[in-house]
Amino acid sequence: MEPTRRELLTWQDVDRLIDHLVPQFDEDFDAMVMITRGGIIPGGLLAEAMGITHILTAAVDFPAQMQMEQTKLMAWPQFIQFPEDRLLKGRRTLVVDDVWGSGRTITAVKIRVSSAGGFPHTCVLHFNPYRNLFGSARPDYYAAITDARIVYPWEIDRGPDRVMLTEML
């Protein structure tokens, strides 16, 4: 079920979310995997704040091969881009995305990092427990809980997912 309301964030809101996340980390990370596209900006901000220099990206797609909504949720992930196993093996890895909605994308990346021999920990700006498909599973680190469709400042009036500011007002 899609959220019925939207929440428009400013860059200052994002700064506050990052500032809320950083003190939560109770260990150092050897690597970061940023999930494209949503995890690129939060991941970059966190990497800078935490001094993480081994930064990698993962691109995941869930092809919608069938028309029924329930069967779309069962599609296997297609990894368009993923770091080589040797880059993850033995590393405490922070997996970053913007939001945990259904949880499918970040969970797929977490499993893949683990199967490569890494030690993944998940991190998002927003956790939506109402859309979560993984029962009581939740991100290891998150800045806020929401039931809204979050519109980040980098999504406003740009790219295919753009939201016109006038639509929000």
C-alpha atoms as a PDB file:
ATOM      1  CA  MET A   1       0.000   0.000   0.000  1.00  0.00           C
ATOM      2  CA  GLU A   2       1.449   3.362  -1.045  1.00  0.00           C
ATOM      3  CA  PRO A   3       1.555   6.139   1.539  1.00  0.00           C
ATOM      4  CA  THR A   4      -1.204   8.679   1.112  1.00  0.00           C
ATOM      5  CA  ARG A   5       0.774  11.681   2.258  1.00  0.00           C
ATOM      6  CA  ARG A   6       4.109  13.106   1.226  1.00  0.00           C
ATOM      7  CA  GLU A   7       6.710  14.754   3.387  1.00  0.00           C
ATOM      8  CA  LEU A   8       9.030  17.218   1.684  1.00  0.00           C
ATOM      9  CA  LEU A   9      12.460  17.536   3.283  1.00  0.00           C
ATOM     10  CA  THR A  10      14.937  20.384   3.079  1.00  0.00           C
ATOM     11  CA  TRP A  11      18.716  20.076   3.059  1.00  0.00           C
ATOM     12  CA  GLN A  12      18.637  21.215   6.705  1.00  0.00           C
ATOM     13  CA  ASP A  13      16.299  18.293   7.496  1.00  0.00           C
ATOM     14  CA  VAL A  14      18.781  15.912   5.869  1.00  0.00           C
ATOM     15  CA  ASP A  15      21.635  17.443   7.899  1.00  0.00           C
ATOM     16  CA  ARG A  16      19.641  16.843  11.088  1.00  0.00           C
ATOM     17  CA  LEU A  17      18.991  13.210  10.094  1.00  0.00           C
ATOM     18  CA  ILE A  18      22.714  12.650   9.457  1.00  0.00           C
ATOM     19  CA  ASP A  19      23.546  14.316  12.784  1.00  0.00           C
ATOM     20  CA  HIS A  20      21.057  11.973  14.466  1.00  0.00           C
ATOM     21  CA  LEU A  21      22.595   8.890  12.822  1.00  0.00           C
ATOM     22  CA  VAL A  22      26.302   9.462  13.448  1.00  0.00           C
ATOM     23  CA  PRO A  23      26.215   9.066  17.265  1.00  0.00           C
ATOM     24  CA  GLN A  24      24.316   5.756  16.885  1.00  0.00           C
ATOM     25  CA  PHE A  25      27.286   3.915  15.357  1.00  0.00           C
ATOM     26  CA  ASP A  26      28.863   1.801  18.041  1.00  0.00           C
ATOM     27  CA  GLU A  27      31.668   0.431  15.868  1.00  0.00           C
ATOM     28  CA  ASP A  28      33.976   1.509  13.080  1.00  0.00           C
ATOM     29  CA  PHE A  29      33.319   0.393   9.530  1.00  0.00           C
ATOM     30  CA  ASP A  30      35.961  -0.727   7.045  1.00  0.00           C
ATOM     31  CA  ALA A  31      33.753  -0.147   4.007  1.00  0.00           C
ATOM     32  CA  MET A  32      30.501   1.341   2.804  1.00  0.00           C
ATOM     33  CA  VAL A  33      28.183   0.098   0.065  1.00  0.00           C
ATOM     34  CA  MET A  34      25.881   2.847  -1.171  1.00  0.00           C
ATOM     35  CA  ILE A  35      22.759   1.596  -2.940  1.00  0.00           C
ATOM     36  CA  THR A  36      22.041   3.553  -6.091  1.00  0.00           C
ATOM     37  CA  ARG A  37      20.384   5.914  -6.518  1.00  0.00           C
ATOM     38  CA  GLY A  38      18.845   6.716  -3.145  1.00  0.00           C
ATOM     39  CA  GLY A  39      21.851   5.867  -0.994  1.00  0.00           C
ATOM     40  CA  ILE A  40      24.406   7.951  -2.883  1.00  0.00           C
ATOM     41  CA  ILE A  41      23.835  11.285  -1.120  1.00  0.00           C
ATOM     42  CA  PRO A  42      23.205   9.954   2.413  1.00  0.00           C
ATOM     43  CA  GLY A  43      26.142   7.580   1.973  1.00  0.00           C
ATOM     44  CA  GLY A  44      28.455  10.360   0.864  1.00  0.00           C
ATOM     45  CA  LEU A  45      27.446  12.528   3.810  1.00  0.00           C
ATOM     46  CA  LEU A  46      27.938   9.649   6.257  1.00  0.00           C
ATOM     47  CA  ALA A  47      31.269   8.608   4.719  1.00  0.00           C
ATOM     48  CA  GLU A  48      32.561  12.142   5.125  1.00  0.00           C
ATOM     49  CA  ALA A  49      31.292  12.443   8.707  1.00  0.00           C
ATOM     50  CA  MET A  50      32.698   9.034   9.712  1.00  0.00           C
ATOM     51  CA  GLY A  51      35.936   9.073   7.731  1.00  0.00           C
ATOM     52  CA  ILE A  52      35.076   5.978   5.675  1.00  0.00           C
ATOM     53  CA  THR A  53      37.233   5.886   2.541  1.00  0.00           C
ATOM     54  CA  HIS A  54      36.538   2.398   1.134  1.00  0.00           C
ATOM     55  CA  ILE A  55      33.289   3.332  -0.652  1.00  0.00           C
ATOM     56  CA  LEU A  56      31.505   1.029  -3.097  1.00  0.00           C
ATOM     57  CA  THR A  57      28.173   1.049  -4.921  1.00  0.00           C
ATOM     58  CA  ALA A  58      25.477  -1.498  -5.640  1.00  0.00           C
ATOM     59  CA  ALA A  59      22.674  -1.161  -8.172  1.00  0.00           C
ATOM     60  CA  VAL A  60      19.691  -3.472  -7.764  1.00  0.00           C
ATOM     61  CA  ASP A  61      16.557  -3.912  -9.830  1.00  0.00           C
ATOM     62  CA  PHE A  62      13.486  -5.967  -9.108  1.00  0.00           C
ATOM     63  CA  PRO A  63      12.013  -6.716 -12.538  1.00  0.00           C
ATOM     64  CA  ALA A  64       8.233  -6.653 -12.669  1.00  0.00           C
ATOM     65  CA  GLN A  65       7.668  -9.719 -14.830  1.00  0.00           C
ATOM     66  CA  MET A  66       4.058 -10.288 -13.868  1.00  0.00           C
ATOM     67  CA  GLN A  67       1.096  -7.972 -13.661  1.00  0.00           C
ATOM     68  CA  MET A  68      -0.332  -8.861 -10.255  1.00  0.00           C
ATOM     69  CA  GLU A  69       1.028  -6.699  -7.441  1.00  0.00           C
ATOM     70  CA  GLN A  70       1.619  -9.694  -5.137  1.00  0.00           C
ATOM     71  CA  THR A  71       3.736 -11.529  -7.701  1.00  0.00           C
ATOM     72  CA  LYS A  72       5.836  -8.399  -8.330  1.00  0.00           C
ATOM     73  CA  LEU A  73       6.923  -8.582  -4.693  1.00  0.00           C
ATOM     74  CA  MET A  74       8.267 -12.098  -5.240  1.00  0.00           C
ATOM     75  CA  ALA A  75      10.636 -11.154  -8.085  1.00  0.00           C
ATOM     76  CA  TRP A  76      14.296 -12.051  -7.555  1.00  0.00           C
ATOM     77  CA  PRO A  77      16.691  -9.112  -7.451  1.00  0.00           C
ATOM     78  CA  GLN A  78      18.835  -8.398 -10.473  1.00  0.00           C
ATOM     79  CA  PHE A  79      22.202  -6.959  -9.494  1.00  0.00           C
ATOM     80  CA  ILE A  80      23.080  -4.476 -12.214  1.00  0.00           C
ATOM     81  CA  GLN A  81      26.296  -3.523 -10.427  1.00  0.00           C
ATOM     82  CA  PHE A  82      27.920  -5.028  -7.354  1.00  0.00           C
ATOM     83  CA  PRO A  83      31.431  -4.915  -5.859  1.00  0.00           C
ATOM     84  CA  GLU A  84      33.705  -7.904  -6.300  1.00  0.00           C
ATOM     85  CA  ASP A  85      33.741 -10.295  -3.345  1.00  0.00           C
ATOM     86  CA  ARG A  86      37.420  -9.551  -2.615  1.00  0.00           C
ATOM     87  CA  LEU A  87      36.485  -5.909  -1.899  1.00  0.00           C
ATOM     88  CA  LEU A  88      34.040  -6.962   0.831  1.00  0.00           C
ATOM     89  CA  LYS A  89      35.588 -10.076   2.363  1.00  0.00           C
ATOM     90  CA  GLY A  90      36.356  -9.612   6.048  1.00  0.00           C
ATOM     91  CA  ARG A  91      35.171  -5.999   6.102  1.00  0.00           C
ATOM     92  CA  ARG A  92      32.643  -4.476   8.486  1.00  0.00           C
ATOM     93  CA  THR A  93      30.450  -2.868   5.861  1.00  0.00           C
ATOM     94  CA  LEU A  94      27.815  -0.187   6.256  1.00  0.00           C
ATOM     95  CA  VAL A  95      25.071  -0.651   3.626  1.00  0.00           C
ATOM     96  CA  VAL A  96      23.343   2.705   3.037  1.00  0.00           C
ATOM     97  CA  ASP A  97      20.091   3.630   1.315  1.00  0.00           C
ATOM     98  CA  ASP A  98      17.717   6.553   1.730  1.00  0.00           C
ATOM     99  CA  VAL A  99      14.649   4.647   2.903  1.00  0.00           C
ATOM    100  CA  TRP A 100      13.634   1.159   4.026  1.00  0.00           C
ATOM    101  CA  GLY A 101      10.141   0.793   2.594  1.00  0.00           C
ATOM    102  CA  SER A 102       9.486  -2.835   1.748  1.00  0.00           C
ATOM    103  CA  GLY A 103      13.087  -3.640   2.714  1.00  0.00           C
ATOM    104  CA  ARG A 104      13.691  -5.780  -0.383  1.00  0.00           C
ATOM    105  CA  THR A 105      16.562  -3.806  -1.892  1.00  0.00           C
ATOM    106  CA  ILE A 106      18.664  -3.266   1.218  1.00  0.00           C
ATOM    107  CA  THR A 107      18.045  -6.836   2.408  1.00  0.00           C
ATOM    108  CA  ALA A 108      19.183  -8.219  -0.962  1.00  0.00           C
ATOM    109  CA  VAL A 109      22.375  -6.151  -0.756  1.00  0.00           C
ATOM    110  CA  LYS A 110      22.947  -7.164   2.874  1.00  0.00           C
ATOM    111  CA  ILE A 111      22.676 -10.854   1.960  1.00  0.00           C
ATOM    112  CA  ARG A 112      25.022 -10.414  -0.987  1.00  0.00           C
ATOM    113  CA  VAL A 113      27.623  -8.596   1.167  1.00  0.00           C
ATOM    114  CA  SER A 114      27.386 -11.378   3.735  1.00  0.00           C
ATOM    115  CA  SER A 115      27.778 -14.090   1.095  1.00  0.00           C
ATOM    116  CA  ALA A 116      30.919 -12.288  -0.122  1.00  0.00           C
ATOM    117  CA  GLY A 117      32.396 -12.691   3.358  1.00  0.00           C
ATOM    118  CA  GLY A 118      31.632  -9.186   4.590  1.00  0.00           C
ATOM    119  CA  PHE A 119      29.910  -8.192   7.807  1.00  0.00           C
ATOM    120  CA  PRO A 120      27.000  -5.963   6.750  1.00  0.00           C
ATOM    121  CA  HIS A 121      25.093  -3.452   8.835  1.00  0.00           C
ATOM    122  CA  THR A 122      22.147  -1.592   7.295  1.00  0.00           C
ATOM    123  CA  CYS A 123      21.531   2.139   7.554  1.00  0.00           C
ATOM    124  CA  VAL A 124      18.773   4.375   6.176  1.00  0.00           C
ATOM    125  CA  LEU A 125      17.503   7.859   6.773  1.00  0.00           C
ATOM    126  CA  HIS A 126      13.872   6.685   7.028  1.00  0.00           C
ATOM    127  CA  PHE A 127      12.335   3.399   8.124  1.00  0.00           C
ATOM    128  CA  ASN A 128       8.724   2.675   7.152  1.00  0.00           C
ATOM    129  CA  PRO A 129       7.584  -0.241   9.343  1.00  0.00           C
ATOM    130  CA  TYR A 130       4.131  -0.164   7.733  1.00  0.00           C
ATOM    131  CA  ARG A 131       5.503  -1.275   4.338  1.00  0.00           C
ATOM    132  CA  ASN A 132       8.192  -3.632   5.679  1.00  0.00           C
ATOM    133  CA  LEU A 133       7.944  -7.110   4.123  1.00  0.00           C
ATOM    134  CA  PHE A 134      10.374  -8.717   6.568  1.00  0.00           C
ATOM    135  CA  GLY A 135       8.335  -9.043   9.752  1.00  0.00           C
ATOM    136  CA  SER A 136      10.242  -7.736  12.732  1.00  0.00           C
ATOM    137  CA  ALA A 137      13.434  -7.108  10.714  1.00  0.00           C
ATOM    138  CA  ARG A 138      14.485  -3.497  10.630  1.00  0.00           C
ATOM    139  CA  PRO A 139      17.546  -1.462   9.698  1.00  0.00           C
ATOM    140  CA  ASP A 140      20.445  -1.617  12.124  1.00  0.00           C
ATOM    141  CA  TYR A 141      20.587   2.173  12.047  1.00  0.00           C
ATOM    142  CA  TYR A 142      17.928   4.688  11.040  1.00  0.00           C
ATOM    143  CA  ALA A 143      17.275   8.341  11.739  1.00  0.00           C
ATOM    144  CA  ALA A 144      13.461   8.445  11.641  1.00  0.00           C
ATOM    145  CA  ILE A 145      10.332   6.319  11.377  1.00  0.00           C
ATOM    146  CA  THR A 146       7.677   7.359   8.884  1.00  0.00           C
ATOM    147  CA  ASP A 147       4.495   6.284   7.159  1.00  0.00           C
ATOM    148  CA  ALA A 148       4.806   8.965   4.452  1.00  0.00           C
ATOM    149  CA  ARG A 149       6.329   9.043   0.986  1.00  0.00           C
ATOM    150  CA  ILE A 150       9.497  11.021   1.707  1.00  0.00           C
ATOM    151  CA  VAL A 151      10.602  13.515  -0.918  1.00  0.00           C
ATOM    152  CA  TYR A 152      14.279  14.345  -0.484  1.00  0.00           C
ATOM    153  CA  PRO A 153      15.694  17.693  -1.611  1.00  0.00           C
ATOM    154  CA  TRP A 154      17.667  16.032  -4.425  1.00  0.00           C
ATOM    155  CA  GLU A 155      14.390  14.699  -5.914  1.00  0.00           C
ATOM    156  CA  ILE A 156      12.746  18.084  -6.354  1.00  0.00           C
ATOM    157  CA  ASP A 157      12.493  19.187  -9.969  1.00  0.00           C
ATOM    158  CA  ARG A 158      15.217  16.783 -11.171  1.00  0.00           C
ATOM    159  CA  GLY A 159      15.405  13.422 -12.921  1.00  0.00           C
ATOM    160  CA  PRO A 160      12.717  10.821 -13.589  1.00  0.00           C
ATOM    161  CA  ASP A 161      11.503  10.776  -9.970  1.00  0.00           C
ATOM    162  CA  ARG A 162      11.226  14.535  -9.706  1.00  0.00           C
ATOM    163  CA  VAL A 163       8.515  16.134  -7.695  1.00  0.00           C
ATOM    164  CA  MET A 164       7.548  19.636  -8.594  1.00  0.00           C
ATOM    165  CA  LEU A 165       7.637  21.905  -5.587  1.00  0.00           C
ATOM    166  CA  THR A 166       4.266  23.355  -6.553  1.00  0.00           C
ATOM    167  CA  GLU A 167       2.722  19.864  -6.246  1.00  0.00           C
ATOM    168  CA  MET A 168       3.818  19.756  -2.613  1.00  0.00           C
ATOM    169  CA  LEU A 169       2.401  23.112  -1.582  1.00  0.00           C
END
